[in-house]
Amino acid sequence: MKLSNDDLKQVLYWMVMGRRIEERVTVLIKEGRLRGHHHPGMGQEAANVGVTYVLKEDDYVSTMHRGKNPELVKGMGLKELMAGYFAKKEGLSGGRAPTGSHMYGDLKKGIVPYPGIIGSTIPVATGVGLGLKLNKRKQVIVCLFGDGAANRGDFHESLNMAAALGLPVVYALMNNGYSMSVSVKRATGMQSLALRAAGYGIPGVSVDGNDVRKVMKETEKAVNRARKGGGPSLIECVVQRWSGHSISDADVYRTDEERSEAHANDPIVRFRNELTEEGVIREEDYRAIEERVKAELDEAVRYCEKECTDPDPADIMRGVYSSS
C-alpha cells in the first residue's frame, strides 16, 4: 500500500484525534460532566491506527478497551462515539452501556461489537473469521487485544483453531508492558509474545508499536496473506502505556524512568517529525490538524450536552429477552 502525502496527513490526524479524545474524556470525568469508567490509550495511537488504516471498507475490526482510533478509522462518527461516553440515546447502544469504554460496535461499518470482558473479543473475532471462510468471502478481520489477554485460555484455543482452519484473522497484540498492574515480565517467561505464533504454525512478528509505518507495513503483509487464503498471523505491537490501567489507577507500580521513557517515545511526535523532515507537512499544517481536532471535539461535546437526550427507562429491557 503506497501512501500519498494526503494519506500520511490523514494518519497523523487520526493519531492526534485519538490522543485528544483521551485527554478530553479524562478532563470531563474529573469535572463530573461524564460518568463511568475510562481506560486511557495514550501512547498507543500509532499501533491502533496502523493496524486499521490498511483495511478495506468492507473488512472487519474487533476493537479493545484502550484507544478509539480503530473504530473512528473504520467510519464511526465522533459525535456518536462521544454520545456513547455521555450515555445518551443518540450514542452507541442508545446509552444502555458504558459504551465510551467498550461494549459497543457497528457491524454495518465492520466494527464487531465488544462483549465486555477484556480479551473475550479474541474468540469472537475468530468466529467472524470462520464465518468469512465458510461463506467464501474475501474480507479479513483484525483483532486487537492486550498482553494480558494473550494469557487467557481462549487466546490459545482461538489461534489454534484459526491456524488449523486457515481463517482470515490478523491477531494484533498490543503489548504495553502491563496487564493492569502486573508486568509482562512477571506474567510470562518470554522475551517476545510474538514467539507464541510458532506453536500454532503461523507467522508471528514483533514490531515497534510507536512507528506507525512499520505497523502498517507488517499489518498489510498479514492482511494480504489472509485475504489470499494463507491463514492467520500474529503481530505484537510493542507500545508503552502513559498512564495507569484506568483513570482510577494511581499507577504506583511503575518507575519514573518507565514513565519518562514512554513520553520520550511519543508516537505522535515521532511521526510528526518524520513528516516534517520529509517535507510532507509544515508547522502550519500540524497546527491546522490540531485546530481541526479541537473544533470537532468541541462540537461533539456541545452536541452531547445540548442536543442529545437521555435514554427512556422504559426501554431498559429491550434486547434482554426475546419477544417471541
Protein backbone atom coordinates (compact mmCIF):
# COMPACT_ATOMS: atom_id res chain seq x y z
CA MET A 1 0.00 0.00 0.00
CA LYS A 2 1.67 3.16 -1.23
CA LEU A 3 0.65 6.09 0.92
CA SER A 4 0.22 9.51 -0.65
CA ASN A 5 1.03 12.69 1.23
CA ASP A 6 -2.69 13.09 1.87
CA ASP A 7 -2.77 9.57 3.37
CA LEU A 8 0.15 10.40 5.64
CA LYS A 9 -1.56 13.57 6.82
CA GLN A 10 -4.75 11.63 7.46
CA VAL A 11 -2.85 9.05 9.51
CA LEU A 12 -1.39 11.86 11.62
CA TYR A 13 -4.86 13.38 12.01
CA TRP A 14 -6.27 10.09 13.33
CA MET A 15 -3.38 9.75 15.78
CA VAL A 16 -3.87 13.29 17.08
CA MET A 17 -7.63 12.76 17.32
CA GLY A 18 -7.11 9.61 19.38
CA ARG A 19 -4.81 11.43 21.81
CA ARG A 20 -7.09 14.42 22.24
CA ILE A 21 -10.14 12.22 22.86
CA GLU A 22 -8.27 10.52 25.70
CA GLU A 23 -7.29 13.85 27.23
CA ARG A 24 -10.76 15.38 26.83
CA VAL A 25 -12.60 12.39 28.31
CA THR A 26 -10.28 12.34 31.32
CA VAL A 27 -10.97 16.03 31.99
CA LEU A 28 -14.74 15.62 31.51
CA ILE A 29 -14.86 12.78 34.01
CA LYS A 30 -12.84 14.73 36.58
CA GLU A 31 -15.17 17.71 36.09
CA GLY A 32 -18.17 15.50 36.77
CA ARG A 33 -19.62 16.04 33.30
CA LEU A 34 -19.14 12.37 32.40
CA ARG A 35 -19.83 9.27 34.45
CA GLY A 36 -18.48 5.79 34.08
CA HIS A 37 -15.05 4.37 33.51
CA HIS A 38 -12.19 5.10 31.14
CA HIS A 39 -9.06 3.20 30.11
CA PRO A 40 -6.71 5.77 28.53
CA GLY A 41 -4.99 4.75 25.31
CA MET A 42 -2.38 7.49 25.27
CA GLY A 43 0.86 6.12 23.83
CA GLN A 44 -0.90 3.51 21.69
CA GLU A 45 -2.03 5.78 18.84
CA ALA A 46 0.44 4.59 16.19
CA ALA A 47 -0.35 0.92 16.74
CA ASN A 48 -4.12 1.44 16.83
CA VAL A 49 -4.15 3.50 13.64
CA GLY A 50 -1.54 1.37 11.90
CA VAL A 51 -3.38 -1.94 12.17
CA THR A 52 -6.63 -0.37 10.95
CA TYR A 53 -5.69 2.08 8.21
CA VAL A 54 -4.63 -0.66 5.78
CA LEU A 55 -8.05 -2.36 5.89
CA LYS A 56 -10.61 -2.10 3.11
CA GLU A 57 -14.02 -0.57 3.74
CA ASP A 58 -15.73 -3.97 3.93
CA ASP A 59 -13.12 -5.58 6.20
CA TYR A 60 -13.76 -6.05 9.91
CA VAL A 61 -12.05 -4.92 13.08
CA SER A 62 -12.53 -6.20 16.61
CA THR A 63 -11.53 -3.41 18.98
CA MET A 64 -10.25 -3.28 22.55
CA HIS A 65 -10.86 -1.11 25.61
CA ARG A 66 -7.82 1.11 25.14
CA GLY A 67 -7.90 3.73 22.39
CA LYS A 68 -10.67 4.80 19.99
CA ASN A 69 -8.66 5.14 16.78
CA PRO A 70 -9.70 1.83 15.16
CA GLU A 71 -13.43 2.47 15.24
CA LEU A 72 -13.04 6.06 14.04
CA VAL A 73 -10.78 4.98 11.18
CA LYS A 74 -13.40 2.39 10.23
CA GLY A 75 -16.05 5.07 9.94
CA MET A 76 -17.68 5.54 13.33
CA GLY A 77 -18.76 9.14 13.83
CA LEU A 78 -17.11 11.22 16.53
CA LYS A 79 -20.47 12.55 17.75
CA GLU A 80 -21.84 9.03 18.00
CA LEU A 81 -18.77 7.91 19.94
CA MET A 82 -18.92 10.83 22.36
CA ALA A 83 -22.68 10.45 22.85
CA GLY A 84 -21.86 6.92 23.96
CA TYR A 85 -19.49 8.30 26.58
CA PHE A 86 -22.28 10.64 27.73
CA ALA A 87 -24.73 7.67 27.85
CA LYS A 88 -27.14 9.45 25.54
CA LYS A 89 -29.87 7.87 23.44
CA GLU A 90 -28.23 9.15 20.26
CA GLY A 91 -24.96 7.41 21.09
CA LEU A 92 -23.61 3.92 20.81
CA SER A 93 -26.04 1.31 22.13
CA GLY A 94 -28.57 4.04 22.81
CA GLY A 95 -26.97 4.88 26.15
CA ARG A 96 -27.53 1.39 27.53
CA ALA A 97 -23.92 0.58 28.46
CA PRO A 98 -20.61 2.29 29.40
CA THR A 99 -20.09 2.47 25.68
CA GLY A 100 -17.36 5.06 25.69
CA SER A 101 -15.07 2.46 27.19
CA HIS A 102 -16.15 -0.69 25.36
CA MET A 103 -19.22 -2.90 24.81
CA TYR A 104 -20.31 -1.38 21.53
CA GLY A 105 -19.90 -1.84 17.80
CA ASP A 106 -21.41 -1.26 14.38
CA LEU A 107 -21.45 -4.22 12.01
CA LYS A 108 -22.53 -2.00 9.11
CA LYS A 109 -19.14 -0.32 9.39
CA GLY A 110 -17.29 -3.56 10.06
CA ILE A 111 -16.81 -2.86 13.79
CA VAL A 112 -17.53 -6.06 15.70
CA PRO A 113 -19.36 -5.38 18.99
CA TYR A 114 -17.22 -5.74 22.11
CA PRO A 115 -18.52 -8.45 24.51
CA GLY A 116 -17.41 -6.52 27.61
CA ILE A 117 -14.96 -8.93 29.24
CA ILE A 118 -11.46 -7.85 28.30
CA GLY A 119 -9.88 -10.36 25.92
CA SER A 120 -13.16 -12.04 25.03
CA THR A 121 -13.02 -10.40 21.62
CA ILE A 122 -10.42 -12.98 20.55
CA PRO A 123 -12.80 -15.95 20.14
CA VAL A 124 -15.47 -13.62 18.74
CA ALA A 125 -13.08 -12.40 16.04
CA THR A 126 -12.11 -16.00 15.34
CA GLY A 127 -15.78 -16.79 14.85
CA VAL A 128 -16.08 -13.91 12.40
CA GLY A 129 -13.10 -15.31 10.52
CA LEU A 130 -14.79 -18.72 10.39
CA GLY A 131 -17.94 -17.13 9.00
CA LEU A 132 -15.96 -15.30 6.33
CA LYS A 133 -14.26 -18.51 5.24
CA LEU A 134 -17.42 -20.63 5.25
CA ASN A 135 -19.16 -18.03 3.11
CA LYS A 136 -16.12 -17.80 0.80
CA ARG A 137 -15.80 -14.07 1.28
CA LYS A 138 -12.60 -12.10 0.69
CA GLN A 139 -12.74 -9.90 3.77
CA VAL A 140 -10.42 -10.22 6.73
CA ILE A 141 -10.73 -9.25 10.38
CA VAL A 142 -8.09 -7.60 12.56
CA CYS A 143 -8.48 -8.38 16.26
CA LEU A 144 -6.89 -6.03 18.82
CA PHE A 145 -6.15 -7.11 22.38
CA GLY A 146 -3.57 -6.58 25.11
CA ASP A 147 -0.70 -8.62 26.54
CA GLY A 148 -2.85 -9.70 29.50
CA ALA A 149 -5.50 -11.09 27.16
CA ALA A 150 -2.78 -13.13 25.46
CA ASN A 151 -2.53 -15.21 28.65
CA ARG A 152 -6.19 -16.25 28.52
CA GLY A 153 -7.06 -19.79 27.55
CA ASP A 154 -9.30 -18.69 24.71
CA PHE A 155 -6.36 -16.85 23.12
CA HIS A 156 -4.60 -20.17 22.66
CA GLU A 157 -7.75 -22.01 21.63
CA SER A 158 -8.61 -19.32 19.10
CA LEU A 159 -5.19 -19.18 17.48
CA ASN A 160 -5.04 -22.96 17.31
CA MET A 161 -8.46 -23.10 15.64
CA ALA A 162 -7.66 -20.25 13.25
CA ALA A 163 -4.39 -21.92 12.26
CA ALA A 164 -5.95 -25.35 11.79
CA LEU A 165 -8.76 -23.99 9.62
CA GLY A 166 -6.77 -21.28 7.84
CA LEU A 167 -9.04 -18.44 8.96
CA PRO A 168 -8.58 -14.86 7.67
CA VAL A 169 -7.78 -13.30 11.05
CA VAL A 170 -4.91 -10.96 11.93
CA TYR A 171 -4.31 -11.00 15.69
CA ALA A 172 -2.91 -7.62 16.75
CA LEU A 173 -1.42 -7.94 20.24
CA MET A 174 -0.87 -4.55 21.88
CA ASN A 175 1.90 -5.23 24.38
CA ASN A 176 2.13 -2.17 26.62
CA GLY A 177 4.12 -3.99 29.27
CA TYR A 178 1.41 -4.32 31.91
CA SER A 179 -1.77 -6.27 32.42
CA MET A 180 -3.45 -3.88 34.84
CA SER A 181 -0.62 -3.67 37.40
CA VAL A 182 1.23 -6.91 36.55
CA SER A 183 4.35 -6.58 34.41
CA VAL A 184 4.50 -8.80 31.35
CA LYS A 185 7.98 -9.80 32.54
CA ARG A 186 6.41 -11.38 35.63
CA ALA A 187 3.36 -12.79 33.86
CA THR A 188 5.29 -14.68 31.17
CA GLY A 189 8.71 -16.18 30.63
CA MET A 190 9.09 -14.90 27.08
CA GLN A 191 11.15 -12.12 25.56
CA SER A 192 8.55 -11.63 22.82
CA LEU A 193 4.93 -12.71 22.82
CA ALA A 194 5.10 -12.98 19.02
CA LEU A 195 7.08 -16.20 19.53
CA ARG A 196 3.85 -17.90 20.54
CA ALA A 197 2.80 -17.94 16.89
CA ALA A 198 5.32 -20.69 16.21
CA GLY A 199 3.37 -23.03 18.48
CA TYR A 200 0.47 -22.84 16.04
CA GLY A 201 2.49 -22.88 12.83
CA ILE A 202 1.57 -19.35 11.82
CA PRO A 203 3.67 -16.22 11.16
CA GLY A 204 4.47 -14.09 14.17
CA VAL A 205 6.30 -10.78 14.24
CA SER A 206 7.16 -8.19 16.87
CA VAL A 207 7.15 -4.57 15.69
CA ASP A 208 7.88 -1.19 17.24
CA GLY A 209 4.35 -0.03 18.01
CA ASN A 210 5.47 3.59 18.20
CA ASP A 211 6.33 3.56 14.48
CA VAL A 212 3.05 3.79 12.58
CA ARG A 213 4.58 3.00 9.19
CA LYS A 214 6.25 -0.16 10.46
CA VAL A 215 2.95 -1.25 11.97
CA MET A 216 1.13 -0.61 8.69
CA LYS A 217 3.77 -2.50 6.70
CA GLU A 218 3.55 -5.64 8.82
CA THR A 219 -0.25 -5.47 9.04
CA GLU A 220 -0.59 -5.10 5.30
CA LYS A 221 1.51 -8.23 4.75
CA ALA A 222 -0.59 -10.20 7.21
CA VAL A 223 -3.87 -8.87 5.76
CA ASN A 224 -2.83 -9.71 2.19
CA ARG A 225 -1.79 -13.20 3.26
CA ALA A 226 -5.12 -13.79 4.99
CA ARG A 227 -7.09 -12.40 2.05
CA LYS A 228 -5.38 -14.83 -0.31
CA GLY A 229 -6.27 -17.80 1.87
CA GLY A 230 -2.94 -18.03 3.68
CA GLY A 231 -4.49 -18.08 7.14
CA PRO A 232 -3.90 -16.09 10.34
CA SER A 233 -0.92 -14.15 11.64
CA LEU A 234 0.11 -12.71 15.00
CA ILE A 235 1.53 -9.18 15.19
CA GLU A 236 2.91 -7.97 18.51
CA CYS A 237 2.98 -4.17 18.67
CA VAL A 238 5.33 -3.14 21.45
CA VAL A 239 3.96 0.08 22.95
CA GLN A 240 4.23 1.94 26.25
CA ARG A 241 1.26 2.90 28.36
CA TRP A 242 1.31 6.51 29.51
CA SER A 243 -0.99 6.11 32.49
CA GLY A 244 -2.40 3.59 34.90
CA HIS A 245 -4.76 0.87 33.77
CA SER A 246 -7.68 3.28 34.15
CA ILE A 247 -8.25 6.79 35.43
CA SER A 248 -8.88 5.36 38.90
CA ASP A 249 -5.47 3.65 38.91
CA ALA A 250 -2.80 5.61 40.81
CA ASP A 251 -0.07 3.89 38.74
CA VAL A 252 2.22 3.35 41.73
CA TYR A 253 3.79 0.17 40.36
CA ARG A 254 5.80 1.77 37.55
CA THR A 255 9.02 3.70 37.97
CA ASP A 256 9.58 7.31 36.99
CA GLU A 257 12.12 6.05 34.45
CA GLU A 258 9.45 3.94 32.75
CA ARG A 259 7.09 6.89 32.53
CA SER A 260 9.80 9.18 31.18
CA GLU A 261 10.82 6.64 28.55
CA ALA A 262 7.22 6.28 27.40
CA HIS A 263 6.82 10.03 26.90
CA ALA A 264 10.21 10.24 25.17
CA ASN A 265 8.94 7.70 22.62
CA ASP A 266 5.75 9.66 21.87
CA PRO A 267 4.48 8.13 18.57
CA ILE A 268 2.78 11.36 17.50
CA VAL A 269 5.91 13.46 17.97
CA ARG A 270 7.95 10.85 16.12
CA PHE A 271 5.62 10.71 13.12
CA ARG A 272 5.17 14.46 13.05
CA ASN A 273 8.94 14.98 12.99
CA GLU A 274 9.36 12.41 10.23
CA LEU A 275 6.74 14.07 8.04
CA THR A 276 8.30 17.49 8.69
CA GLU A 277 11.78 16.26 7.73
CA GLU A 278 10.36 14.66 4.57
CA GLY A 279 8.65 17.88 3.57
CA VAL A 280 5.17 16.36 3.80
CA ILE A 281 3.95 18.87 6.38
CA ARG A 282 4.98 22.24 7.71
CA GLU A 283 4.39 23.74 11.13
CA GLU A 284 1.21 25.43 9.95
CA ASP A 285 -0.09 22.10 8.62
CA TYR A 286 0.29 20.49 12.03
CA ARG A 287 -1.38 23.47 13.71
CA ALA A 288 -4.26 23.09 11.26
CA ILE A 289 -4.65 19.42 12.26
CA GLU A 290 -4.69 20.32 15.96
CA GLU A 291 -7.21 23.11 15.35
CA ARG A 292 -9.45 20.82 13.31
CA VAL A 293 -9.37 18.14 16.00
CA LYS A 294 -10.15 20.65 18.74
CA ALA A 295 -13.05 22.15 16.80
CA GLU A 296 -14.53 18.72 16.06
CA LEU A 297 -14.21 17.63 19.69
CA ASP A 298 -15.69 20.90 20.95
CA GLU A 299 -18.66 20.45 18.65
CA ALA A 300 -19.10 16.80 19.65
CA VAL A 301 -19.16 17.68 23.35
CA ARG A 302 -21.57 20.58 22.71
CA TYR A 303 -23.83 18.24 20.74
CA CYS A 304 -23.87 15.70 23.57
CA GLU A 305 -24.59 18.24 26.30
CA LYS A 306 -27.02 20.47 24.42
CA GLU A 307 -28.82 18.37 21.81
CA CYS A 308 -28.77 14.75 22.94
CA THR A 309 -31.39 13.11 25.13
CA ASP A 310 -31.29 10.58 27.94
CA PRO A 311 -32.50 7.06 27.17
CA ASP A 312 -36.04 6.13 28.19
CA PRO A 313 -36.02 3.95 31.37
CA ALA A 314 -38.96 2.02 29.91
CA ASP A 315 -36.60 0.78 27.20
CA ILE A 316 -34.23 -0.90 29.64
CA MET A 317 -35.42 -4.45 28.96
CA ARG A 318 -35.15 -4.19 25.18
CA GLY A 319 -32.77 -6.80 23.86
CA VAL A 320 -32.63 -8.72 27.13
CA TYR A 321 -35.42 -11.21 26.39
CA SER A 322 -36.94 -12.41 23.15
CA SER A 323 -40.41 -11.08 22.39
CA SER A 324 -41.44 -14.37 20.76
